[in-house]
C-alpha atoms as a PDB file:
ATOM      1  CA  MET A   1     126.851 108.549  46.351  1.00  0.00           C
ATOM      2  CA  LYS A   2     129.783 109.685  48.492  1.00  0.00           C
ATOM      3  CA  ILE A   3     130.766 108.784  52.048  1.00  0.00           C
ATOM      4  CA  LEU A   4     132.163 111.174  54.662  1.00  0.00           C
ATOM      5  CA  LEU A   5     134.512 109.842  57.340  1.00  0.00           C
ATOM      6  CA  ALA A   6     136.409 111.289  60.294  1.00  0.00           C
ATOM      7  CA  PRO A   7     140.195 110.882  60.546  1.00  0.00           C
ATOM      8  CA  ALA A   8     142.052 109.443  63.542  1.00  0.00           C
ATOM      9  CA  GLU A   9     144.472 111.023  66.001  1.00  0.00           C
ATOM     10  CA  THR A  10     146.880 108.097  65.572  1.00  0.00           C
ATOM     11  CA  LYS A  11     148.675 107.393  62.327  1.00  0.00           C
ATOM     12  CA  ASN A  12     150.906 104.840  60.689  1.00  0.00           C
ATOM     13  CA  GLN A  13     154.476 105.978  60.192  1.00  0.00           C
ATOM     14  CA  GLY A  14     156.534 105.883  57.004  1.00  0.00           C
ATOM     15  CA  GLY A  15     155.412 105.983  53.396  1.00  0.00           C
ATOM     16  CA  ASN A  16     156.857 105.503  49.939  1.00  0.00           C
ATOM     17  CA  GLN A  17     154.851 107.944  47.819  1.00  0.00           C
ATOM     18  CA  SER A  18     155.731 111.432  46.588  1.00  0.00           C
ATOM     19  CA  VAL A  19     156.289 114.257  49.077  1.00  0.00           C
ATOM     20  CA  TYR A  20     153.728 117.000  49.735  1.00  0.00           C
ATOM     21  CA  SER A  21     152.572 118.617  46.485  1.00  0.00           C
ATOM     22  CA  LYS A  22     149.496 119.867  44.663  1.00  0.00           C
ATOM     23  CA  GLU A  23     149.196 116.606  42.728  1.00  0.00           C
ATOM     24  CA  ASN A  24     148.693 114.619  45.954  1.00  0.00           C
ATOM     25  CA  PHE A  25     145.212 116.078  46.553  1.00  0.00           C
ATOM     26  CA  PHE A  26     141.817 116.213  44.890  1.00  0.00           C
ATOM     27  CA  LEU A  27     140.251 119.638  44.292  1.00  0.00           C
ATOM     28  CA  GLU A  28     143.621 120.788  42.954  1.00  0.00           C
ATOM     29  CA  GLU A  29     142.165 124.199  42.170  1.00  0.00           C
ATOM     30  CA  LEU A  30     142.008 124.836  45.936  1.00  0.00           C
ATOM     31  CA  PHE A  31     145.540 123.728  46.705  1.00  0.00           C
ATOM     32  CA  ASP A  32     146.608 127.316  47.448  1.00  0.00           C
ATOM     33  CA  LYS A  33     144.114 127.338  50.323  1.00  0.00           C
ATOM     34  CA  ARG A  34     145.414 124.039  51.703  1.00  0.00           C
ATOM     35  CA  ASP A  35     148.934 125.369  51.348  1.00  0.00           C
ATOM     36  CA  GLU A  36     148.039 128.475  53.342  1.00  0.00           C
ATOM     37  CA  ILE A  37     147.212 126.291  56.344  1.00  0.00           C
ATOM     38  CA  PHE A  38     150.177 124.003  55.681  1.00  0.00           C
ATOM     39  CA  GLU A  39     152.628 126.936  55.766  1.00  0.00           C
ATOM     40  CA  LYS A  40     151.140 128.221  59.023  1.00  0.00           C
ATOM     41  CA  TYR A  41     151.579 124.748  60.486  1.00  0.00           C
ATOM     42  CA  GLU A  42     155.187 124.587  59.266  1.00  0.00           C
ATOM     43  CA  SER A  43     155.886 128.001  60.808  1.00  0.00           C
ATOM     44  CA  LEU A  44     154.448 126.813  64.109  1.00  0.00           C
ATOM     45  CA  LEU A  45     156.726 123.769  64.080  1.00  0.00           C
ATOM     46  CA  GLU A  46     159.767 125.897  63.357  1.00  0.00           C
ATOM     47  CA  SER A  47     159.093 128.657  65.878  1.00  0.00           C
ATOM     48  CA  SER A  48     157.837 126.588  68.828  1.00  0.00           C
ATOM     49  CA  SER A  49     159.909 124.888  71.499  1.00  0.00           C
ATOM     50  CA  ILE A  50     159.608 121.192  72.226  1.00  0.00           C
ATOM     51  CA  GLU A  51     157.736 122.030  75.430  1.00  0.00           C
ATOM     52  CA  GLU A  52     155.286 124.299  73.602  1.00  0.00           C
ATOM     53  CA  LEU A  53     154.647 121.680  70.957  1.00  0.00           C
ATOM     54  CA  SER A  54     154.191 119.008  73.611  1.00  0.00           C
ATOM     55  CA  LYS A  55     151.169 120.949  74.845  1.00  0.00           C
ATOM     56  CA  TRP A  56     149.920 121.830  71.349  1.00  0.00           C
ATOM     57  CA  PHE A  57     150.204 118.246  70.116  1.00  0.00           C
ATOM     58  CA  GLY A  58     148.850 116.787  73.351  1.00  0.00           C
ATOM     59  CA  LEU A  59     151.919 114.532  73.675  1.00  0.00           C
ATOM     60  CA  LYS A  60     153.918 113.836  76.833  1.00  0.00           C
ATOM     61  CA  LYS A  61     156.855 111.897  75.370  1.00  0.00           C
ATOM     62  CA  LEU A  62     159.367 114.496  74.217  1.00  0.00           C
ATOM     63  CA  ASP A  63     161.099 112.155  71.761  1.00  0.00           C
ATOM     64  CA  GLU A  64     157.758 111.734  70.009  1.00  0.00           C
ATOM     65  CA  VAL A  65     157.264 115.506  70.014  1.00  0.00           C
ATOM     66  CA  GLN A  66     160.693 115.883  68.428  1.00  0.00           C
ATOM     67  CA  ARG A  67     159.714 113.520  65.618  1.00  0.00           C
ATOM     68  CA  TYR A  68     156.619 115.555  64.840  1.00  0.00           C
ATOM     69  CA  LYS A  69     158.562 118.828  65.028  1.00  0.00           C
ATOM     70  CA  GLU A  70     160.343 117.894  61.803  1.00  0.00           C
ATOM     71  CA  SER A  71     159.126 119.635  58.651  1.00  0.00           C
ATOM     72  CA  LEU A  72     156.591 117.713  56.583  1.00  0.00           C
ATOM     73  CA  LYS A  73     157.897 119.047  53.274  1.00  0.00           C
ATOM     74  CA  ASN A  74     160.323 116.199  52.631  1.00  0.00           C
ATOM     75  CA  LYS A  75     158.432 113.363  54.287  1.00  0.00           C
ATOM     76  CA  LYS A  76     157.220 110.519  52.102  1.00  0.00           C
ATOM     77  CA  THR A  77     153.468 109.985  51.916  1.00  0.00           C
ATOM     78  CA  MET A  78     150.879 107.235  51.699  1.00  0.00           C
ATOM     79  CA  LYS A  79     147.147 107.060  50.967  1.00  0.00           C
ATOM     80  CA  ALA A  80     145.126 108.821  53.656  1.00  0.00           C
ATOM     81  CA  ILE A  81     143.012 105.711  54.214  1.00  0.00           C
ATOM     82  CA  LYS A  82     146.215 103.791  55.028  1.00  0.00           C
ATOM     83  CA  ARG A  83     147.827 106.610  57.026  1.00  0.00           C
ATOM     84  CA  TYR A  84     145.171 106.726  59.738  1.00  0.00           C
ATOM     85  CA  ASN A  85     144.757 103.937  62.249  1.00  0.00           C
ATOM     86  CA  GLY A  86     142.539 103.355  65.259  1.00  0.00           C
ATOM     87  CA  VAL A  87     139.207 101.742  66.008  1.00  0.00           C
ATOM     88  CA  ALA A  88     137.325 102.742  62.847  1.00  0.00           C
ATOM     89  CA  PHE A  89     140.211 101.966  60.531  1.00  0.00           C
ATOM     90  CA  ASP A  90     140.837  98.606  62.181  1.00  0.00           C
ATOM     91  CA  ALA A  91     137.200  97.763  61.394  1.00  0.00           C
ATOM     92  CA  ILE A  92     137.554  98.846  57.756  1.00  0.00           C
ATOM     93  CA  GLU A  93     140.516  96.473  57.255  1.00  0.00           C
ATOM     94  CA  TYR A  94     141.469  98.298  54.066  1.00  0.00           C
ATOM     95  CA  ASN A  95     144.640  96.272  53.445  1.00  0.00           C
ATOM     96  CA  ASN A  96     142.664  93.025  53.559  1.00  0.00           C
ATOM     97  CA  LEU A  97     139.987  94.113  51.072  1.00  0.00           C
ATOM     98  CA  ASP A  98     140.115  93.020  47.440  1.00  0.00           C
ATOM     99  CA  ASP A  99     141.022  95.474  44.684  1.00  0.00           C
ATOM    100  CA  ASN A 100     137.411  96.324  43.862  1.00  0.00           C
ATOM    101  CA  ALA A 101     136.527  97.156  47.469  1.00  0.00           C
ATOM    102  CA  GLN A 102     139.684  99.229  47.867  1.00  0.00           C
ATOM    103  CA  LYS A 103     138.910 101.138  44.680  1.00  0.00           C
ATOM    104  CA  TYR A 104     135.383 101.779  45.957  1.00  0.00           C
ATOM    105  CA  ILE A 105     136.835 103.413  49.078  1.00  0.00           C
ATOM    106  CA  ASP A 106     139.486 105.316  47.117  1.00  0.00           C
ATOM    107  CA  ASP A 107     136.863 106.738  44.765  1.00  0.00           C
ATOM    108  CA  ASN A 108     134.011 107.470  47.151  1.00  0.00           C
ATOM    109  CA  VAL A 109     135.324 108.337  50.631  1.00  0.00           C
ATOM    110  CA  VAL A 110     136.174 111.866  51.749  1.00  0.00           C
ATOM    111  CA  LEU A 111     137.945 112.317  55.095  1.00  0.00           C
ATOM    112  CA  PHE A 112     138.341 115.552  57.035  1.00  0.00           C
ATOM    113  CA  SER A 113     141.909 116.162  58.164  1.00  0.00           C
ATOM    114  CA  ASN A 114     142.560 118.729  60.879  1.00  0.00           C
ATOM    115  CA  LEU A 115     145.566 119.867  58.843  1.00  0.00           C
ATOM    116  CA  PHE A 116     144.753 119.226  55.183  1.00  0.00           C
ATOM    117  CA  GLY A 117     140.980 119.691  55.277  1.00  0.00           C
ATOM    118  CA  PRO A 118     138.747 117.571  53.004  1.00  0.00           C
ATOM    119  CA  ILE A 119     140.820 114.807  51.408  1.00  0.00           C
ATOM    120  CA  LYS A 120     139.941 111.746  49.362  1.00  0.00           C
ATOM    121  CA  ALA A 121     140.812 108.335  50.747  1.00  0.00           C
ATOM    122  CA  ASP A 122     143.538 107.966  48.116  1.00  0.00           C
ATOM    123  CA  ASP A 123     145.043 111.437  48.531  1.00  0.00           C
ATOM    124  CA  LEU A 124     148.676 111.160  49.610  1.00  0.00           C
ATOM    125  CA  ILE A 125     149.600 112.626  52.990  1.00  0.00           C
ATOM    126  CA  PRO A 126     152.667 112.499  55.280  1.00  0.00           C
ATOM    127  CA  ASP A 127     152.724 111.395  58.903  1.00  0.00           C
ATOM    128  CA  TYR A 128     151.712 114.449  60.955  1.00  0.00           C
ATOM    129  CA  LYS A 129     150.306 115.397  64.338  1.00  0.00           C
ATOM    130  CA  TYR A 130     147.395 117.783  64.824  1.00  0.00           C
ATOM    131  CA  LYS A 131     145.279 117.488  67.949  1.00  0.00           C
ATOM    132  CA  GLN A 132     141.570 117.810  67.260  1.00  0.00           C
ATOM    133  CA  GLY A 133     140.412 121.337  67.982  1.00  0.00           C
ATOM    134  CA  ALA A 134     143.915 122.853  68.183  1.00  0.00           C
ATOM    135  CA  LYS A 135     144.171 126.382  66.794  1.00  0.00           C
ATOM    136  CA  LEU A 136     146.890 127.711  64.543  1.00  0.00           C
ATOM    137  CA  PRO A 137     147.889 131.343  65.215  1.00  0.00           C
ATOM    138  CA  GLN A 138     144.873 133.517  64.386  1.00  0.00           C
ATOM    139  CA  THR A 139     143.278 130.658  62.454  1.00  0.00           C
ATOM    140  CA  ALA A 140     140.446 128.263  63.235  1.00  0.00           C
ATOM    141  CA  VAL A 141     141.021 125.558  60.642  1.00  0.00           C
ATOM    142  CA  GLU A 142     137.464 124.220  60.808  1.00  0.00           C
ATOM    143  CA  LYS A 143     136.026 127.614  59.879  1.00  0.00           C
ATOM    144  CA  PHE A 144     138.728 128.213  57.261  1.00  0.00           C
ATOM    145  CA  TYR A 145     138.026 124.972  55.417  1.00  0.00           C
ATOM    146  CA  GLN A 146     134.272 125.406  55.667  1.00  0.00           C
ATOM    147  CA  GLU A 147     134.458 128.892  54.155  1.00  0.00           C
ATOM    148  CA  ASN A 148     136.848 127.939  51.354  1.00  0.00           C
ATOM    149  CA  PHE A 149     135.834 124.387  50.394  1.00  0.00           C
ATOM    150  CA  THR A 150     132.047 124.211  50.836  1.00  0.00           C
ATOM    151  CA  GLU A 151     131.114 125.265  47.304  1.00  0.00           C
ATOM    152  CA  ALA A 152     133.540 122.828  45.679  1.00  0.00           C
ATOM    153  CA  LEU A 153     132.439 120.016  47.989  1.00  0.00           C
ATOM    154  CA  ASN A 154     128.778 120.643  47.184  1.00  0.00           C
ATOM    155  CA  ASP A 155     129.571 120.081  43.504  1.00  0.00           C
ATOM    156  CA  TYR A 156     131.835 117.080  44.102  1.00  0.00           C
ATOM    157  CA  LEU A 157     129.698 115.151  46.601  1.00  0.00           C
ATOM    158  CA  GLY A 158     126.481 115.203  44.614  1.00  0.00           C
ATOM    159  CA  ASP A 159     122.966 114.595  45.891  1.00  0.00           C
ATOM    160  CA  GLU A 160     123.413 111.493  48.096  1.00  0.00           C
ATOM    161  CA  ILE A 161     125.778 111.275  51.058  1.00  0.00           C
ATOM    162  CA  ILE A 162     126.355 108.743  53.807  1.00  0.00           C
ATOM    163  CA  ASP A 163     127.822 110.696  56.712  1.00  0.00           C
ATOM    164  CA  LEU A 164     129.978 108.586  59.041  1.00  0.00           C
ATOM    165  CA  ARG A 165     131.786 111.519  60.656  1.00  0.00           C
ATOM    166  CA  ALA A 166     132.028 112.236  64.363  1.00  0.00           C
ATOM    167  CA  GLY A 167     130.274 115.460  65.326  1.00  0.00           C
ATOM    168  CA  HIS A 168     133.395 117.652  65.481  1.00  0.00           C
ATOM    169  CA  TYR A 169     134.058 117.239  61.762  1.00  0.00           C
ATOM    170  CA  GLU A 170     130.680 118.638  60.812  1.00  0.00           C
ATOM    171  CA  LYS A 171     132.341 122.004  61.525  1.00  0.00           C
ATOM    172  CA  PHE A 172     134.487 121.536  58.404  1.00  0.00           C
ATOM    173  CA  TYR A 173     131.535 121.015  56.100  1.00  0.00           C
ATOM    174  CA  LYS A 174     127.811 121.331  56.678  1.00  0.00           C
ATOM    175  CA  ILE A 175     125.592 119.422  54.253  1.00  0.00           C
ATOM    176  CA  LYS A 176     122.630 121.465  53.099  1.00  0.00           C
ATOM    177  CA  ASN A 177     121.086 120.221  49.864  1.00  0.00           C
ATOM    178  CA  ALA A 178     122.004 116.549  49.488  1.00  0.00           C
ATOM    179  CA  ASN A 179     120.009 113.617  50.859  1.00  0.00           C
ATOM    180  CA  VAL A 180     121.953 112.394  53.881  1.00  0.00           C
ATOM    181  CA  LEU A 181     122.058 109.124  55.810  1.00  0.00           C
ATOM    182  CA  THR A 182     123.504 109.230  59.330  1.00  0.00           C
ATOM    183  CA  PHE A 183     123.645 106.726  62.177  1.00  0.00           C
ATOM    184  CA  LYS A 184     123.274 106.396  65.931  1.00  0.00           C
ATOM    185  CA  PHE A 185     124.351 103.190  67.650  1.00  0.00           C
ATOM    186  CA  ILE A 186     122.732 101.879  70.826  1.00  0.00           C
ATOM    187  CA  LYS A 187     123.316  98.904  73.103  1.00  0.00           C
ATOM    188  CA  ASP A 188     120.712  97.844  75.656  1.00  0.00           C
ATOM    189  CA  GLY A 189     118.873 101.082  74.961  1.00  0.00           C
ATOM    190  CA  LYS A 190     121.898 103.323  75.625  1.00  0.00           C
ATOM    191  CA  VAL A 191     123.831 105.351  73.066  1.00  0.00           C
ATOM    192  CA  ILE A 192     127.454 104.274  72.719  1.00  0.00           C
ATOM    193  CA  SER A 193     130.258 106.667  71.771  1.00  0.00           C
ATOM    194  CA  HIS A 194     133.724 105.112  71.600  1.00  0.00           C
ATOM    195  CA  TRP A 195     132.587 101.873  69.961  1.00  0.00           C
ATOM    196  CA  ALA A 196     130.501 103.866  67.507  1.00  0.00           C
ATOM    197  CA  LYS A 197     133.821 104.402  65.695  1.00  0.00           C
ATOM    198  CA  HIS A 198     134.097 100.649  65.182  1.00  0.00           C
ATOM    199  CA  TYR A 199     130.624 100.389  63.682  1.00  0.00           C
ATOM    200  CA  ARG A 200     131.192 103.374  61.389  1.00  0.00           C
ATOM    201  CA  GLY A 201     134.253 101.563  60.087  1.00  0.00           C
ATOM    202  CA  ALA A 202     132.303  98.321  59.762  1.00  0.00           C
ATOM    203  CA  LEU A 203     129.586 100.157  57.823  1.00  0.00           C
ATOM    204  CA  LEU A 204     132.143 101.507  55.371  1.00  0.00           C
ATOM    205  CA  LYS A 205     133.585  98.021  54.904  1.00  0.00           C
ATOM    206  CA  HIS A 206     130.044  96.737  54.238  1.00  0.00           C
ATOM    207  CA  LEU A 207     129.464  99.468  51.636  1.00  0.00           C
ATOM    208  CA  ALA A 208     132.750  98.703  49.891  1.00  0.00           C
ATOM    209  CA  ILE A 209     132.412  94.921  49.812  1.00  0.00           C
ATOM    210  CA  ASN A 210     128.873  95.164  48.453  1.00  0.00           C
ATOM    211  CA  ASN A 211     129.656  98.018  46.045  1.00  0.00           C
ATOM    212  CA  ILE A 212     126.657 100.007  47.251  1.00  0.00           C
ATOM    213  CA  ASN A 213     126.046 103.092  45.124  1.00  0.00           C
ATOM    214  CA  SER A 214     122.824 104.606  46.468  1.00  0.00           C
ATOM    215  CA  ILE A 215     120.988 105.095  49.744  1.00  0.00           C
ATOM    216  CA  ALA A 216     118.089 102.992  48.439  1.00  0.00           C
ATOM    217  CA  GLU A 217     120.494 100.145  47.676  1.00  0.00           C
ATOM    218  CA  PHE A 218     121.961 100.404  51.172  1.00  0.00           C
ATOM    219  CA  MET A 219     118.505 100.238  52.768  1.00  0.00           C
ATOM    220  CA  ASP A 220     117.834  96.951  50.965  1.00  0.00           C
ATOM    221  CA  LYS A 221     120.873  95.228  52.520  1.00  0.00           C
ATOM    222  CA  ASN A 222     121.047  93.523  55.906  1.00  0.00           C
ATOM    223  CA  LEU A 223     123.871  94.522  58.241  1.00  0.00           C
ATOM    224  CA  GLU A 224     125.557  91.766  60.206  1.00  0.00           C
ATOM    225  CA  GLY A 225     125.592  92.504  63.940  1.00  0.00           C
ATOM    226  CA  LEU A 226     123.218  95.479  63.681  1.00  0.00           C
ATOM    227  CA  THR A 227     119.441  95.766  63.769  1.00  0.00           C
ATOM    228  CA  LEU A 228     117.551  98.819  62.554  1.00  0.00           C
ATOM    229  CA  VAL A 229     115.159  99.884  65.330  1.00  0.00           C
ATOM    230  CA  GLU A 230     114.049 103.349  64.247  1.00  0.00           C
ATOM    231  CA  ILE A 231     114.304 105.872  61.417  1.00  0.00           C
ATOM    232  CA  GLN A 232     114.108 109.578  62.225  1.00  0.00           C
ATOM    233  CA  GLU A 233     113.736 112.037  59.365  1.00  0.00           C
ATOM    234  CA  LYS A 234     114.299 115.783  59.389  1.00  0.00           C
ATOM    235  CA  LYS A 235     114.319 117.701  56.113  1.00  0.00           C
ATOM    236  CA  ASN A 236     117.034 116.085  53.984  1.00  0.00           C
ATOM    237  CA  ILE A 237     118.567 113.974  56.774  1.00  0.00           C
ATOM    238  CA  LYS A 238     117.586 110.411  57.600  1.00  0.00           C
ATOM    239  CA  LEU A 239     118.943 109.130  60.928  1.00  0.00           C
ATOM    240  CA  LEU A 240     119.087 105.358  61.376  1.00  0.00           C
ATOM    241  CA  ILE A 241     119.144 104.147  64.973  1.00  0.00           C
ATOM    242  CA  MET A 242     120.925 100.822  65.039  1.00  0.00           C
ATOM    243  CA  GLU A 243     120.862  98.296  67.903  1.00  0.00           C
ATOM    244  CA  ILE A 244     124.109  96.398  68.387  1.00  0.00           C
ATOM    245  CA  GLU A 245     123.298  92.699  68.649  1.00  0.00           C
END
């Protein structure tokens, strides 16, 4: 069983791992495709003015834009799961988990980077900026990664997937044949959006701590702070509607 997770716009700075290279990523056989997008991104950084990048990044502070204008080729890296921060990642509390729970996440979680495409939680990435939905010249990254990585992902992910992604990242990879578990979170009968990120992170933490390796095993566990109110099934997808207590 594998788990799909969205990235975050905000990231932790720094890193002490090796710079950008083929060996930093899973699906090494597709590194040339990743590198095609990476080089287009690097060219954009080099050819664009600070003002142009301010708009492309969605950043107002020009000193921050200047930092992200620097090439990524020589920047140190860290695990993707540690690079991203924000509501979901605060809920995961990766750094506070024991070694077994961290290894569970490293081995089983695939994130979807706007720049690097599908990456494992322990793939090594630099600090970068890529606003969700931004287009590189003549390239829609979502479509590019879907066209070039779907077959390999089908083989890698297997026949059971827990999908914790936000809707936008379904454009990178559409699940067709696997059995899928997804979630909708409600409070007082209303669907929540922003805080859904927190509960996706909390769900991943729950999976890791309990070393859950199948959908059936997950269904047998109680979730603290959440109550299952309805299950909706359509073909291979099972949607759990969870009430926040």
